[in-house]
PDB file of N, CA and C in Angstrom:
ATOM      1  N   MET A   1       0.701  -1.151  -0.164  1.00  0.00           N
ATOM      2  CA  MET A   1       0.304  -0.135   0.265  1.00  0.00           C
ATOM      3  C   MET A   1       0.674   1.109   0.199  1.00  0.00           C
ATOM      4  N   THR A   2       0.685   2.152  -0.456  1.00  0.00           N
ATOM      5  CA  THR A   2       1.276   3.390  -0.936  1.00  0.00           C
ATOM      6  C   THR A   2       0.376   4.514  -0.787  1.00  0.00           C
ATOM      7  N   ILE A   3       1.131   5.532  -0.144  1.00  0.00           N
ATOM      8  CA  ILE A   3       0.144   6.715   0.368  1.00  0.00           C
ATOM      9  C   ILE A   3       1.312   7.506  -0.642  1.00  0.00           C
ATOM     10  N   PHE A   4       0.381   8.851  -1.589  1.00  0.00           N
ATOM     11  CA  PHE A   4       0.803   9.469  -1.791  1.00  0.00           C
ATOM     12  C   PHE A   4       0.680  11.168  -1.557  1.00  0.00           C
ATOM     13  N   CYS A   5       1.672  11.762  -0.361  1.00  0.00           N
ATOM     14  CA  CYS A   5       1.188  12.563   0.043  1.00  0.00           C
ATOM     15  C   CYS A   5       2.363  14.003  -0.223  1.00  0.00           C
ATOM     16  N   TYR A   6       1.483  15.251   0.251  1.00  0.00           N
ATOM     17  CA  TYR A   6       2.609  16.031   0.584  1.00  0.00           C
ATOM     18  C   TYR A   6       2.693  16.599   2.142  1.00  0.00           C
ATOM     19  N   PRO A   7       4.179  16.771   2.765  1.00  0.00           N
ATOM     20  CA  PRO A   7       4.099  16.694   3.728  1.00  0.00           C
ATOM     21  C   PRO A   7       3.897  17.899   4.758  1.00  0.00           C
ATOM     22  N   ASN A   8       3.454  18.784   4.280  1.00  0.00           N
ATOM     23  CA  ASN A   8       2.755  20.467   4.664  1.00  0.00           C
ATOM     24  C   ASN A   8       1.221  20.184   4.720  1.00  0.00           C
ATOM     25  N   CYS A   9       0.686  19.327   3.791  1.00  0.00           N
ATOM     26  CA  CYS A   9      -0.736  19.391   3.890  1.00  0.00           C
ATOM     27  C   CYS A   9      -1.772  18.538   5.284  1.00  0.00           C
ATOM     28  N   SER A  10      -2.491  19.527   5.588  1.00  0.00           N
ATOM     29  CA  SER A  10      -2.914  18.849   7.036  1.00  0.00           C
ATOM     30  C   SER A  10      -3.958  17.822   6.842  1.00  0.00           C
ATOM     31  N   THR A  11      -4.445  17.744   5.495  1.00  0.00           N
ATOM     32  CA  THR A  11      -4.994  16.517   5.368  1.00  0.00           C
ATOM     33  C   THR A  11      -4.750  15.565   5.186  1.00  0.00           C
ATOM     34  N   CYS A  12      -3.077  15.386   4.681  1.00  0.00           N
ATOM     35  CA  CYS A  12      -2.599  14.372   4.168  1.00  0.00           C
ATOM     36  C   CYS A  12      -1.792  13.796   5.819  1.00  0.00           C
ATOM     37  N   LYS A  13      -2.298  14.787   6.570  1.00  0.00           N
ATOM     38  CA  LYS A  13      -0.974  14.173   8.195  1.00  0.00           C
ATOM     39  C   LYS A  13      -2.266  13.558   8.898  1.00  0.00           C
ATOM     40  N   ARG A  14      -3.748  13.981   8.272  1.00  0.00           N
ATOM     41  CA  ARG A  14      -4.897  13.192   8.987  1.00  0.00           C
ATOM     42  C   ARG A  14      -5.128  12.004   8.498  1.00  0.00           C
ATOM     43  N   ALA A  15      -4.451  11.971   7.133  1.00  0.00           N
ATOM     44  CA  ALA A  15      -4.696  10.570   6.655  1.00  0.00           C
ATOM     45  C   ALA A  15      -3.615   9.247   7.370  1.00  0.00           C
ATOM     46  N   ILE A  16      -2.090   9.698   7.367  1.00  0.00           N
ATOM     47  CA  ILE A  16      -1.121   9.394   7.931  1.00  0.00           C
ATOM     48  C   ILE A  16      -1.616   8.981   9.321  1.00  0.00           C
ATOM     49  N   ALA A  17      -1.800  10.099   9.987  1.00  0.00           N
ATOM     50  CA  ALA A  17      -2.312   9.723  11.160  1.00  0.00           C
ATOM     51  C   ALA A  17      -3.466   8.235  11.447  1.00  0.00           C
ATOM     52  N   TYR A  18      -4.786   8.408  10.942  1.00  0.00           N
ATOM     53  CA  TYR A  18      -5.726   7.561  10.394  1.00  0.00           C
ATOM     54  C   TYR A  18      -5.150   5.982  10.190  1.00  0.00           C
ATOM     55  N   LEU A  19      -3.903   5.804   9.478  1.00  0.00           N
ATOM     56  CA  LEU A  19      -3.261   4.475   9.130  1.00  0.00           C
ATOM     57  C   LEU A  19      -2.465   4.215  10.291  1.00  0.00           C
ATOM     58  N   GLU A  20      -1.780   5.170  10.841  1.00  0.00           N
ATOM     59  CA  GLU A  20      -1.409   4.331  12.041  1.00  0.00           C
ATOM     60  C   GLU A  20      -1.789   4.280  13.155  1.00  0.00           C
ATOM     61  N   SER A  21      -2.941   4.977  13.632  1.00  0.00           N
ATOM     62  CA  SER A  21      -3.727   4.836  14.293  1.00  0.00           C
ATOM     63  C   SER A  21      -4.599   3.394  14.193  1.00  0.00           C
ATOM     64  N   ASN A  22      -4.729   2.842  13.105  1.00  0.00           N
ATOM     65  CA  ASN A  22      -5.158   2.022  12.726  1.00  0.00           C
ATOM     66  C   ASN A  22      -4.149   0.520  12.813  1.00  0.00           C
ATOM     67  N   GLY A  23      -3.128   1.151  12.618  1.00  0.00           N
ATOM     68  CA  GLY A  23      -2.047  -0.141  12.762  1.00  0.00           C
ATOM     69  C   GLY A  23      -1.800  -0.567  11.360  1.00  0.00           C
ATOM     70  N   ILE A  24      -2.094   0.193  10.217  1.00  0.00           N
ATOM     71  CA  ILE A  24      -2.227  -0.238   8.973  1.00  0.00           C
ATOM     72  C   ILE A  24      -0.702   0.268   8.330  1.00  0.00           C
ATOM     73  N   SER A  25      -0.087  -0.692   7.837  1.00  0.00           N
ATOM     74  CA  SER A  25       1.205  -0.577   6.931  1.00  0.00           C
ATOM     75  C   SER A  25       1.294   0.470   5.843  1.00  0.00           C
ATOM     76  N   TYR A  26       2.264   1.564   5.670  1.00  0.00           N
ATOM     77  CA  TYR A  26       1.693   1.592   4.320  1.00  0.00           C
ATOM     78  C   TYR A  26       3.238   2.142   3.962  1.00  0.00           C
ATOM     79  N   SER A  27       3.536   2.888   2.530  1.00  0.00           N
ATOM     80  CA  SER A  27       4.751   3.087   2.516  1.00  0.00           C
ATOM     81  C   SER A  27       4.430   4.750   1.767  1.00  0.00           C
ATOM     82  N   TYR A  28       4.751   5.445   1.943  1.00  0.00           N
ATOM     83  CA  TYR A  28       5.067   6.765   1.701  1.00  0.00           C
ATOM     84  C   TYR A  28       5.723   7.533   0.361  1.00  0.00           C
ATOM     85  N   ARG A  29       4.769   8.522  -0.096  1.00  0.00           N
ATOM     86  CA  ARG A  29       5.819   8.882  -1.170  1.00  0.00           C
ATOM     87  C   ARG A  29       5.481  10.539  -1.004  1.00  0.00           C
ATOM     88  N   ASN A  30       6.393  11.555  -1.315  1.00  0.00           N
ATOM     89  CA  ASN A  30       5.957  12.579  -1.647  1.00  0.00           C
ATOM     90  C   ASN A  30       5.908  12.814  -2.685  1.00  0.00           C
ATOM     91  N   ILE A  31       4.283  13.349  -3.137  1.00  0.00           N
ATOM     92  CA  ILE A  31       3.562  13.445  -4.439  1.00  0.00           C
ATOM     93  C   ILE A  31       4.908  14.700  -4.440  1.00  0.00           C
ATOM     94  N   GLN A  32       5.543  15.429  -4.035  1.00  0.00           N
ATOM     95  CA  GLN A  32       5.860  16.807  -4.946  1.00  0.00           C
ATOM     96  C   GLN A  32       7.117  16.120  -5.696  1.00  0.00           C
ATOM     97  N   THR A  33       7.932  15.381  -4.648  1.00  0.00           N
ATOM     98  CA  THR A  33       9.335  15.156  -4.855  1.00  0.00           C
ATOM     99  C   THR A  33       9.400  13.416  -6.041  1.00  0.00           C
ATOM    100  N   GLN A  34       8.838  13.099  -5.726  1.00  0.00           N
ATOM    101  CA  GLN A  34       8.179  11.398  -5.910  1.00  0.00           C
ATOM    102  C   GLN A  34       7.153  11.076  -6.492  1.00  0.00           C
ATOM    103  N   ARG A  35       6.900  12.004  -7.387  1.00  0.00           N
ATOM    104  CA  ARG A  35       5.472  12.272  -8.360  1.00  0.00           C
ATOM    105  C   ARG A  35       5.220  10.940  -8.968  1.00  0.00           C
ATOM    106  N   PRO A  36       3.740  10.555  -9.290  1.00  0.00           N
ATOM    107  CA  PRO A  36       3.458   8.978 -10.483  1.00  0.00           C
ATOM    108  C   PRO A  36       4.014   9.864 -11.681  1.00  0.00           C
ATOM    109  N   ASP A  37       4.619   8.878 -12.383  1.00  0.00           N
ATOM    110  CA  ASP A  37       4.630   9.431 -13.957  1.00  0.00           C
ATOM    111  C   ASP A  37       3.298   8.955 -14.647  1.00  0.00           C
ATOM    112  N   LYS A  38       3.470   9.536 -15.929  1.00  0.00           N
ATOM    113  CA  LYS A  38       2.065   9.477 -16.163  1.00  0.00           C
ATOM    114  C   LYS A  38       1.827   7.778 -16.950  1.00  0.00           C
ATOM    115  N   ARG A  39       2.303   6.868 -16.910  1.00  0.00           N
ATOM    116  CA  ARG A  39       1.759   5.351 -17.477  1.00  0.00           C
ATOM    117  C   ARG A  39       1.558   5.149 -15.740  1.00  0.00           C
ATOM    118  N   GLU A  40       2.127   5.119 -14.611  1.00  0.00           N
ATOM    119  CA  GLU A  40       1.543   4.813 -13.255  1.00  0.00           C
ATOM    120  C   GLU A  40       0.684   5.530 -13.116  1.00  0.00           C
ATOM    121  N   LEU A  41       0.057   6.762 -13.313  1.00  0.00           N
ATOM    122  CA  LEU A  41      -1.526   7.603 -12.955  1.00  0.00           C
ATOM    123  C   LEU A  41      -2.405   7.049 -13.670  1.00  0.00           C
ATOM    124  N   GLU A  42      -2.082   6.755 -15.129  1.00  0.00           N
ATOM    125  CA  GLU A  42      -3.018   5.941 -15.917  1.00  0.00           C
ATOM    126  C   GLU A  42      -3.527   4.641 -15.685  1.00  0.00           C
ATOM    127  N   ALA A  43      -2.826   4.107 -14.908  1.00  0.00           N
ATOM    128  CA  ALA A  43      -3.171   2.797 -14.055  1.00  0.00           C
ATOM    129  C   ALA A  43      -3.574   2.866 -12.640  1.00  0.00           C
ATOM    130  N   ILE A  44      -3.481   3.994 -11.918  1.00  0.00           N
ATOM    131  CA  ILE A  44      -4.039   3.923 -10.615  1.00  0.00           C
ATOM    132  C   ILE A  44      -5.149   4.387 -11.076  1.00  0.00           C
ATOM    133  N   ILE A  45      -5.399   5.594 -12.402  1.00  0.00           N
ATOM    134  CA  ILE A  45      -7.120   5.828 -12.523  1.00  0.00           C
ATOM    135  C   ILE A  45      -8.038   4.815 -13.071  1.00  0.00           C
ATOM    136  N   ARG A  46      -7.315   3.991 -13.960  1.00  0.00           N
ATOM    137  CA  ARG A  46      -8.011   2.630 -14.291  1.00  0.00           C
ATOM    138  C   ARG A  46      -8.474   2.108 -13.056  1.00  0.00           C
ATOM    139  N   GLN A  47      -7.626   1.680 -12.235  1.00  0.00           N
ATOM    140  CA  GLN A  47      -8.160   0.804 -10.916  1.00  0.00           C
ATOM    141  C   GLN A  47      -9.022   1.499 -10.645  1.00  0.00           C
ATOM    142  N   SER A  48      -8.960   2.436  -9.901  1.00  0.00           N
ATOM    143  CA  SER A  48     -10.147   3.214  -9.332  1.00  0.00           C
ATOM    144  C   SER A  48     -11.171   3.006  -9.979  1.00  0.00           C
ATOM    145  N   GLY A  49     -11.323   3.402 -11.144  1.00  0.00           N
ATOM    146  CA  GLY A  49     -12.887   3.260 -11.848  1.00  0.00           C
ATOM    147  C   GLY A  49     -13.447   4.834 -11.860  1.00  0.00           C
ATOM    148  N   LYS A  50     -12.778   5.828 -11.055  1.00  0.00           N
ATOM    149  CA  LYS A  50     -13.204   7.139 -11.412  1.00  0.00           C
ATOM    150  C   LYS A  50     -13.137   7.778 -12.189  1.00  0.00           C
ATOM    151  N   ASP A  51     -13.296   9.178 -12.644  1.00  0.00           N
ATOM    152  CA  ASP A  51     -12.856  10.003 -13.702  1.00  0.00           C
ATOM    153  C   ASP A  51     -11.960  10.490 -13.548  1.00  0.00           C
ATOM    154  N   SER A  52     -10.679  11.072 -14.398  1.00  0.00           N
ATOM    155  CA  SER A  52      -9.753  11.264 -14.333  1.00  0.00           C
ATOM    156  C   SER A  52      -9.911  12.357 -13.779  1.00  0.00           C
ATOM    157  N   LYS A  53     -10.858  13.616 -14.207  1.00  0.00           N
ATOM    158  CA  LYS A  53     -10.825  14.528 -13.728  1.00  0.00           C
ATOM    159  C   LYS A  53     -11.002  14.681 -12.085  1.00  0.00           C
ATOM    160  N   LYS A  54     -11.388  13.442 -11.261  1.00  0.00           N
ATOM    161  CA  LYS A  54     -11.556  13.696 -10.335  1.00  0.00           C
ATOM    162  C   LYS A  54     -10.097  13.484  -8.912  1.00  0.00           C
ATOM    163  N   PHE A  55      -9.159  13.435  -9.982  1.00  0.00           N
ATOM    164  CA  PHE A  55      -7.719  13.441  -9.490  1.00  0.00           C
ATOM    165  C   PHE A  55      -6.964  14.957  -9.323  1.00  0.00           C
ATOM    166  N   PHE A  56      -7.341  15.527  -9.966  1.00  0.00           N
ATOM    167  CA  PHE A  56      -7.235  17.018  -9.412  1.00  0.00           C
ATOM    168  C   PHE A  56      -7.552  17.389  -7.935  1.00  0.00           C
ATOM    169  N   ASN A  57      -6.165  18.271  -7.884  1.00  0.00           N
ATOM    170  CA  ASN A  57      -5.891  19.028  -6.447  1.00  0.00           C
ATOM    171  C   ASN A  57      -6.810  20.477  -7.069  1.00  0.00           C
ATOM    172  N   THR A  58      -8.168  20.621  -6.907  1.00  0.00           N
ATOM    173  CA  THR A  58      -8.851  21.721  -7.396  1.00  0.00           C
ATOM    174  C   THR A  58      -8.723  22.891  -6.372  1.00  0.00           C
ATOM    175  N   SER A  59      -8.503  22.555  -5.703  1.00  0.00           N
ATOM    176  CA  SER A  59      -7.938  23.698  -4.784  1.00  0.00           C
ATOM    177  C   SER A  59      -6.554  24.370  -4.294  1.00  0.00           C
ATOM    178  N   GLY A  60      -5.960  23.701  -5.092  1.00  0.00           N
ATOM    179  CA  GLY A  60      -4.069  24.309  -5.157  1.00  0.00           C
ATOM    180  C   GLY A  60      -4.114  25.086  -6.335  1.00  0.00           C
ATOM    181  N   GLN A  61      -3.050  25.857  -5.655  1.00  0.00           N
ATOM    182  CA  GLN A  61      -2.569  26.986  -6.443  1.00  0.00           C
ATOM    183  C   GLN A  61      -2.700  26.993  -8.087  1.00  0.00           C
ATOM    184  N   VAL A  62      -1.325  25.638  -8.019  1.00  0.00           N
ATOM    185  CA  VAL A  62      -1.155  25.131  -9.421  1.00  0.00           C
ATOM    186  C   VAL A  62      -2.934  25.451 -10.208  1.00  0.00           C
ATOM    187  N   TYR A  63      -3.307  24.599  -9.764  1.00  0.00           N
ATOM    188  CA  TYR A  63      -4.522  24.300 -10.619  1.00  0.00           C
ATOM    189  C   TYR A  63      -5.253  25.584 -11.148  1.00  0.00           C
ATOM    190  N   ARG A  64      -5.198  26.666 -10.144  1.00  0.00           N
ATOM    191  CA  ARG A  64      -5.872  27.799 -10.462  1.00  0.00           C
ATOM    192  C   ARG A  64      -5.330  28.770 -11.083  1.00  0.00           C
ATOM    193  N   SER A  65      -3.759  28.769 -10.915  1.00  0.00           N
ATOM    194  CA  SER A  65      -3.056  29.468 -11.852  1.00  0.00           C
ATOM    195  C   SER A  65      -2.841  29.239 -13.075  1.00  0.00           C
ATOM    196  N   LEU A  66      -3.186  27.822 -13.814  1.00  0.00           N
ATOM    197  CA  LEU A  66      -3.540  27.243 -15.227  1.00  0.00           C
ATOM    198  C   LEU A  66      -4.714  27.490 -15.742  1.00  0.00           C
ATOM    199  N   ALA A  67      -6.180  27.942 -14.561  1.00  0.00           N
ATOM    200  CA  ALA A  67      -7.112  28.139 -15.110  1.00  0.00           C
ATOM    201  C   ALA A  67      -7.938  26.763 -15.468  1.00  0.00           C
ATOM    202  N   LEU A  68      -7.365  25.668 -14.950  1.00  0.00           N
ATOM    203  CA  LEU A  68      -7.664  24.290 -15.381  1.00  0.00           C
ATOM    204  C   LEU A  68      -9.536  24.522 -15.248  1.00  0.00           C
ATOM    205  N   LYS A  69      -9.840  24.863 -14.056  1.00  0.00           N
ATOM    206  CA  LYS A  69     -11.425  24.923 -14.261  1.00  0.00           C
ATOM    207  C   LYS A  69     -12.460  25.164 -15.690  1.00  0.00           C
ATOM    208  N   GLU A  70     -11.980  26.115 -15.944  1.00  0.00           N
ATOM    209  CA  GLU A  70     -12.386  26.774 -17.402  1.00  0.00           C
ATOM    210  C   GLU A  70     -11.795  25.317 -18.602  1.00  0.00           C
ATOM    211  N   LYS A  71     -10.517  24.929 -18.282  1.00  0.00           N
ATOM    212  CA  LYS A  71      -9.780  24.118 -19.671  1.00  0.00           C
ATOM    213  C   LYS A  71     -10.270  22.341 -19.579  1.00  0.00           C
ATOM    214  N   LEU A  72     -10.394  21.979 -18.535  1.00  0.00           N
ATOM    215  CA  LEU A  72     -10.337  20.689 -17.886  1.00  0.00           C
ATOM    216  C   LEU A  72     -11.484  19.929 -18.675  1.00  0.00           C
ATOM    217  N   SER A  73     -12.733  20.535 -18.836  1.00  0.00           N
ATOM    218  CA  SER A  73     -13.676  19.712 -19.737  1.00  0.00           C
ATOM    219  C   SER A  73     -13.372  19.630 -20.732  1.00  0.00           C
ATOM    220  N   HIS A  74     -12.218  20.446 -21.746  1.00  0.00           N
ATOM    221  CA  HIS A  74     -12.219  20.035 -23.224  1.00  0.00           C
ATOM    222  C   HIS A  74     -10.566  19.023 -23.522  1.00  0.00           C
ATOM    223  N   LEU A  75     -10.131  19.103 -22.337  1.00  0.00           N
ATOM    224  CA  LEU A  75      -9.059  18.189 -22.067  1.00  0.00           C
ATOM    225  C   LEU A  75      -9.438  16.739 -22.580  1.00  0.00           C
ATOM    226  N   LYS A  76      -8.613  15.797 -23.310  1.00  0.00           N
ATOM    227  CA  LYS A  76      -8.513  14.542 -23.725  1.00  0.00           C
ATOM    228  C   LYS A  76      -7.768  13.317 -22.419  1.00  0.00           C
ATOM    229  N   ASP A  77      -8.281  12.710 -22.428  1.00  0.00           N
ATOM    230  CA  ASP A  77      -7.826  11.891 -21.535  1.00  0.00           C
ATOM    231  C   ASP A  77      -6.158  11.552 -21.418  1.00  0.00           C
ATOM    232  N   ASP A  78      -4.965  12.215 -22.713  1.00  0.00           N
ATOM    233  CA  ASP A  78      -3.943  11.892 -22.562  1.00  0.00           C
ATOM    234  C   ASP A  78      -3.270  13.321 -22.446  1.00  0.00           C
ATOM    235  N   GLN A  79      -4.098  14.239 -22.538  1.00  0.00           N
ATOM    236  CA  GLN A  79      -3.889  15.405 -21.880  1.00  0.00           C
ATOM    237  C   GLN A  79      -3.952  16.004 -20.623  1.00  0.00           C
ATOM    238  N   ILE A  80      -4.748  14.955 -19.954  1.00  0.00           N
ATOM    239  CA  ILE A  80      -5.089  14.964 -18.601  1.00  0.00           C
ATOM    240  C   ILE A  80      -3.789  14.517 -17.565  1.00  0.00           C
ATOM    241  N   LEU A  81      -3.581  13.212 -17.970  1.00  0.00           N
ATOM    242  CA  LEU A  81      -2.513  12.517 -18.048  1.00  0.00           C
ATOM    243  C   LEU A  81      -1.036  13.363 -17.588  1.00  0.00           C
ATOM    244  N   GLU A  82      -1.277  14.003 -19.037  1.00  0.00           N
ATOM    245  CA  GLU A  82       0.506  14.729 -19.294  1.00  0.00           C
ATOM    246  C   GLU A  82       0.161  15.528 -17.991  1.00  0.00           C
ATOM    247  N   LEU A  83      -0.989  16.363 -18.071  1.00  0.00           N
ATOM    248  CA  LEU A  83      -0.889  17.461 -17.033  1.00  0.00           C
ATOM    249  C   LEU A  83      -0.719  16.890 -15.090  1.00  0.00           C
ATOM    250  N   LEU A  84      -1.216  16.142 -15.104  1.00  0.00           N
ATOM    251  CA  LEU A  84      -1.024  15.244 -13.353  1.00  0.00           C
ATOM    252  C   LEU A  84       0.415  14.985 -13.602  1.00  0.00           C
ATOM    253  N   SER A  85       0.874  14.278 -14.445  1.00  0.00           N
ATOM    254  CA  SER A  85       2.153  13.886 -13.972  1.00  0.00           C
ATOM    255  C   SER A  85       2.988  14.888 -14.166  1.00  0.00           C
ATOM    256  N   SER A  86       3.009  16.295 -14.481  1.00  0.00           N
ATOM    257  CA  SER A  86       3.638  17.238 -14.809  1.00  0.00           C
ATOM    258  C   SER A  86       3.831  17.759 -13.611  1.00  0.00           C
ATOM    259  N   ASP A  87       3.215  17.428 -12.665  1.00  0.00           N
ATOM    260  CA  ASP A  87       3.330  18.430 -11.419  1.00  0.00           C
ATOM    261  C   ASP A  87       2.763  17.827 -10.219  1.00  0.00           C
ATOM    262  N   GLY A  88       3.153  17.364  -9.156  1.00  0.00           N
ATOM    263  CA  GLY A  88       2.399  16.267  -8.217  1.00  0.00           C
ATOM    264  C   GLY A  88       1.442  17.602  -7.513  1.00  0.00           C
ATOM    265  N   MET A  89       1.838  18.586  -7.543  1.00  0.00           N
ATOM    266  CA  MET A  89       0.661  19.534  -7.242  1.00  0.00           C
ATOM    267  C   MET A  89      -0.722  19.341  -7.681  1.00  0.00           C
ATOM    268  N   LEU A  90      -0.577  19.294  -8.811  1.00  0.00           N
ATOM    269  CA  LEU A  90      -2.216  19.402  -9.420  1.00  0.00           C
ATOM    270  C   LEU A  90      -2.691  18.019  -9.300  1.00  0.00           C
ATOM    271  N   VAL A  91      -2.257  16.818  -8.052  1.00  0.00           N
ATOM    272  CA  VAL A  91      -3.060  15.382  -7.721  1.00  0.00           C
ATOM    273  C   VAL A  91      -3.724  15.941  -6.899  1.00  0.00           C
ATOM    274  N   LYS A  92      -4.747  15.611  -6.120  1.00  0.00           N
ATOM    275  CA  LYS A  92      -5.620  15.457  -5.237  1.00  0.00           C
ATOM    276  C   LYS A  92      -4.841  14.145  -4.519  1.00  0.00           C
ATOM    277  N   ARG A  93      -4.618  14.822  -3.132  1.00  0.00           N
ATOM    278  CA  ARG A  93      -4.068  14.253  -1.980  1.00  0.00           C
ATOM    279  C   ARG A  93      -4.330  14.299  -0.771  1.00  0.00           C
ATOM    280  N   PRO A  94      -4.452  13.404   0.163  1.00  0.00           N
ATOM    281  CA  PRO A  94      -3.900  11.954   0.313  1.00  0.00           C
ATOM    282  C   PRO A  94      -4.379  11.152  -1.268  1.00  0.00           C
ATOM    283  N   LEU A  95      -3.733  10.370  -1.680  1.00  0.00           N
ATOM    284  CA  LEU A  95      -4.210   9.433  -2.815  1.00  0.00           C
ATOM    285  C   LEU A  95      -3.231   7.900  -1.920  1.00  0.00           C
ATOM    286  N   LEU A  96      -4.234   6.849  -2.224  1.00  0.00           N
ATOM    287  CA  LEU A  96      -3.575   5.808  -1.375  1.00  0.00           C
ATOM    288  C   LEU A  96      -4.024   5.290  -2.724  1.00  0.00           C
ATOM    289  N   VAL A  97      -2.800   4.352  -2.853  1.00  0.00           N
ATOM    290  CA  VAL A  97      -3.240   2.763  -3.624  1.00  0.00           C
ATOM    291  C   VAL A  97      -2.573   1.469  -3.341  1.00  0.00           C
ATOM    292  N   CYS A  98      -3.507   0.503  -3.153  1.00  0.00           N
ATOM    293  CA  CYS A  98      -3.226  -0.694  -3.291  1.00  0.00           C
ATOM    294  C   CYS A  98      -3.788  -1.529  -3.673  1.00  0.00           C
ATOM    295  N   GLU A  99      -3.943  -3.140  -3.608  1.00  0.00           N
ATOM    296  CA  GLU A  99      -4.320  -4.088  -4.639  1.00  0.00           C
ATOM    297  C   GLU A  99      -5.776  -4.047  -4.546  1.00  0.00           C
ATOM    298  N   GLN A 100      -6.269  -3.320  -3.125  1.00  0.00           N
ATOM    299  CA  GLN A 100      -8.158  -4.279  -3.300  1.00  0.00           C
ATOM    300  C   GLN A 100      -8.632  -2.506  -3.572  1.00  0.00           C
ATOM    301  N   GLY A 101      -7.775  -1.412  -4.461  1.00  0.00           N
ATOM    302  CA  GLY A 101      -8.351  -0.312  -4.646  1.00  0.00           C
ATOM    303  C   GLY A 101      -7.536   1.198  -4.374  1.00  0.00           C
ATOM    304  N   VAL A 102      -8.287   2.019  -4.750  1.00  0.00           N
ATOM    305  CA  VAL A 102      -7.913   3.334  -4.472  1.00  0.00           C
ATOM    306  C   VAL A 102      -8.283   4.795  -3.842  1.00  0.00           C
ATOM    307  N   LEU A 103      -8.055   4.928  -3.209  1.00  0.00           N
ATOM    308  CA  LEU A 103      -8.747   6.386  -2.305  1.00  0.00           C
ATOM    309  C   LEU A 103      -8.184   7.397  -2.648  1.00  0.00           C
ATOM    310  N   VAL A 104      -8.627   8.845  -2.791  1.00  0.00           N
ATOM    311  CA  VAL A 104      -8.180   9.886  -3.450  1.00  0.00           C
ATOM    312  C   VAL A 104      -9.057  10.938  -2.297  1.00  0.00           C
ATOM    313  N   GLY A 105      -8.312  11.571  -1.939  1.00  0.00           N
ATOM    314  CA  GLY A 105      -8.781  12.485  -0.764  1.00  0.00           C
ATOM    315  C   GLY A 105      -8.822  11.755   0.648  1.00  0.00           C
ATOM    316  N   PHE A 106      -9.585  12.279   1.738  1.00  0.00           N
ATOM    317  CA  PHE A 106      -9.199  12.063   2.878  1.00  0.00           C
ATOM    318  C   PHE A 106     -10.710  12.192   3.271  1.00  0.00           C
ATOM    319  N   LYS A 107     -11.722  10.825   3.426  1.00  0.00           N
ATOM    320  CA  LYS A 107     -12.882  11.088   4.417  1.00  0.00           C
ATOM    321  C   LYS A 107     -13.054  10.155   4.941  1.00  0.00           C
ATOM    322  N   GLU A 108     -12.625  10.211   6.381  1.00  0.00           N
ATOM    323  CA  GLU A 108     -12.605   9.359   7.375  1.00  0.00           C
ATOM    324  C   GLU A 108     -13.959   8.092   7.409  1.00  0.00           C
ATOM    325  N   SER A 109     -14.850   8.589   7.033  1.00  0.00           N
ATOM    326  CA  SER A 109     -16.189   7.695   6.814  1.00  0.00           C
ATOM    327  C   SER A 109     -15.842   7.190   5.824  1.00  0.00           C
ATOM    328  N   GLU A 110     -15.433   7.347   4.636  1.00  0.00           N
ATOM    329  CA  GLU A 110     -14.740   6.583   2.946  1.00  0.00           C
ATOM    330  C   GLU A 110     -13.659   5.569   3.705  1.00  0.00           C
ATOM    331  N   TRP A 111     -12.661   6.283   4.522  1.00  0.00           N
ATOM    332  CA  TRP A 111     -11.320   4.979   4.675  1.00  0.00           C
ATOM    333  C   TRP A 111     -12.218   3.994   5.017  1.00  0.00           C
ATOM    334  N   ASP A 112     -12.912   4.202   6.385  1.00  0.00           N
ATOM    335  CA  ASP A 112     -13.435   3.384   7.347  1.00  0.00           C
ATOM    336  C   ASP A 112     -14.069   2.220   6.469  1.00  0.00           C
ATOM    337  N   ALA A 113     -14.889   2.491   5.815  1.00  0.00           N
ATOM    338  CA  ALA A 113     -15.606   1.269   5.374  1.00  0.00           C
ATOM    339  C   ALA A 113     -14.971   0.729   4.531  1.00  0.00           C
ATOM    340  N   PHE A 114     -13.682   1.097   3.483  1.00  0.00           N
ATOM    341  CA  PHE A 114     -13.115   0.786   2.721  1.00  0.00           C
ATOM    342  C   PHE A 114     -11.830  -0.182   3.390  1.00  0.00           C
ATOM    343  N   PHE A 115     -11.580   0.076   4.880  1.00  0.00           N
ATOM    344  CA  PHE A 115     -10.679  -0.569   5.562  1.00  0.00           C
ATOM    345  C   PHE A 115     -11.473  -1.983   5.944  1.00  0.00           C
ATOM    346  N   ILE A 116     -12.577  -1.568   6.163  1.00  0.00           N
ATOM    347  CA  ILE A 116     -13.167  -2.247   7.135  1.00  0.00           C
ATOM    348  C   ILE A 116     -13.824  -4.083   5.975  1.00  0.00           C
ATOM    349  N   ARG A 117     -13.778  -3.333   4.889  1.00  0.00           N
ATOM    350  CA  ARG A 117     -14.262  -3.969   3.595  1.00  0.00           C
ATOM    351  C   ARG A 117     -12.834  -5.291   3.669  1.00  0.00           C
ATOM    352  N   ARG A 118     -11.953  -4.403   3.918  1.00  0.00           N
ATOM    353  CA  ARG A 118     -10.126  -5.016   3.916  1.00  0.00           C
ATOM    354  C   ARG A 118      -9.702  -6.025   4.787  1.00  0.00           C
ATOM    355  N   GLY A 119     -10.817  -5.617   6.303  1.00  0.00           N
ATOM    356  CA  GLY A 119     -10.455  -6.052   7.183  1.00  0.00           C
ATOM    357  C   GLY A 119      -9.119  -5.751   8.079  1.00  0.00           C
ATOM    358  N   ASP A 120      -9.069  -4.707   7.634  1.00  0.00           N
ATOM    359  CA  ASP A 120      -7.850  -3.849   8.370  1.00  0.00           C
ATOM    360  C   ASP A 120      -7.667  -2.602   9.325  1.00  0.00           C
ATOM    361  N   ALA A 121      -9.386  -2.508   9.347  1.00  0.00           N
ATOM    362  CA  ALA A 121      -9.721  -1.718  10.542  1.00  0.00           C
ATOM    363  C   ALA A 121     -10.738  -2.308  11.490  1.00  0.00           C
ATOM    364  N   SER A 122     -10.826  -1.473  12.635  1.00  0.00           N
ATOM    365  CA  SER A 122     -12.283  -2.268  13.582  1.00  0.00           C
ATOM    366  C   SER A 122     -13.037  -1.454  13.724  1.00  0.00           C
TER     367      SER A 122
END
């Protein structure tokens, strides 16, 4: 299980605390310095079953500075992957990836349901 986080992100810190308090082991990747490449993102998005647009950090400065809110609906999948892989700060975080699925963002109730299904949390 790998969690992609940005060290200064308070939501990422809450997700890490969640994993640790539930005794769930993980490997950590700094989304800014060890960002997923295009091929890896493509596999993650496919595995998640979610729309690739759900992987954008829409509240981030980079997203706003590129005016992606207006442009995103006109981009093709390959262009979206290119953008997401170009800057880890564009990727919604935390991003948790494991064999059983992908979690995008941190909502404790969603993580509870996911880990209870996996048998990791009580």
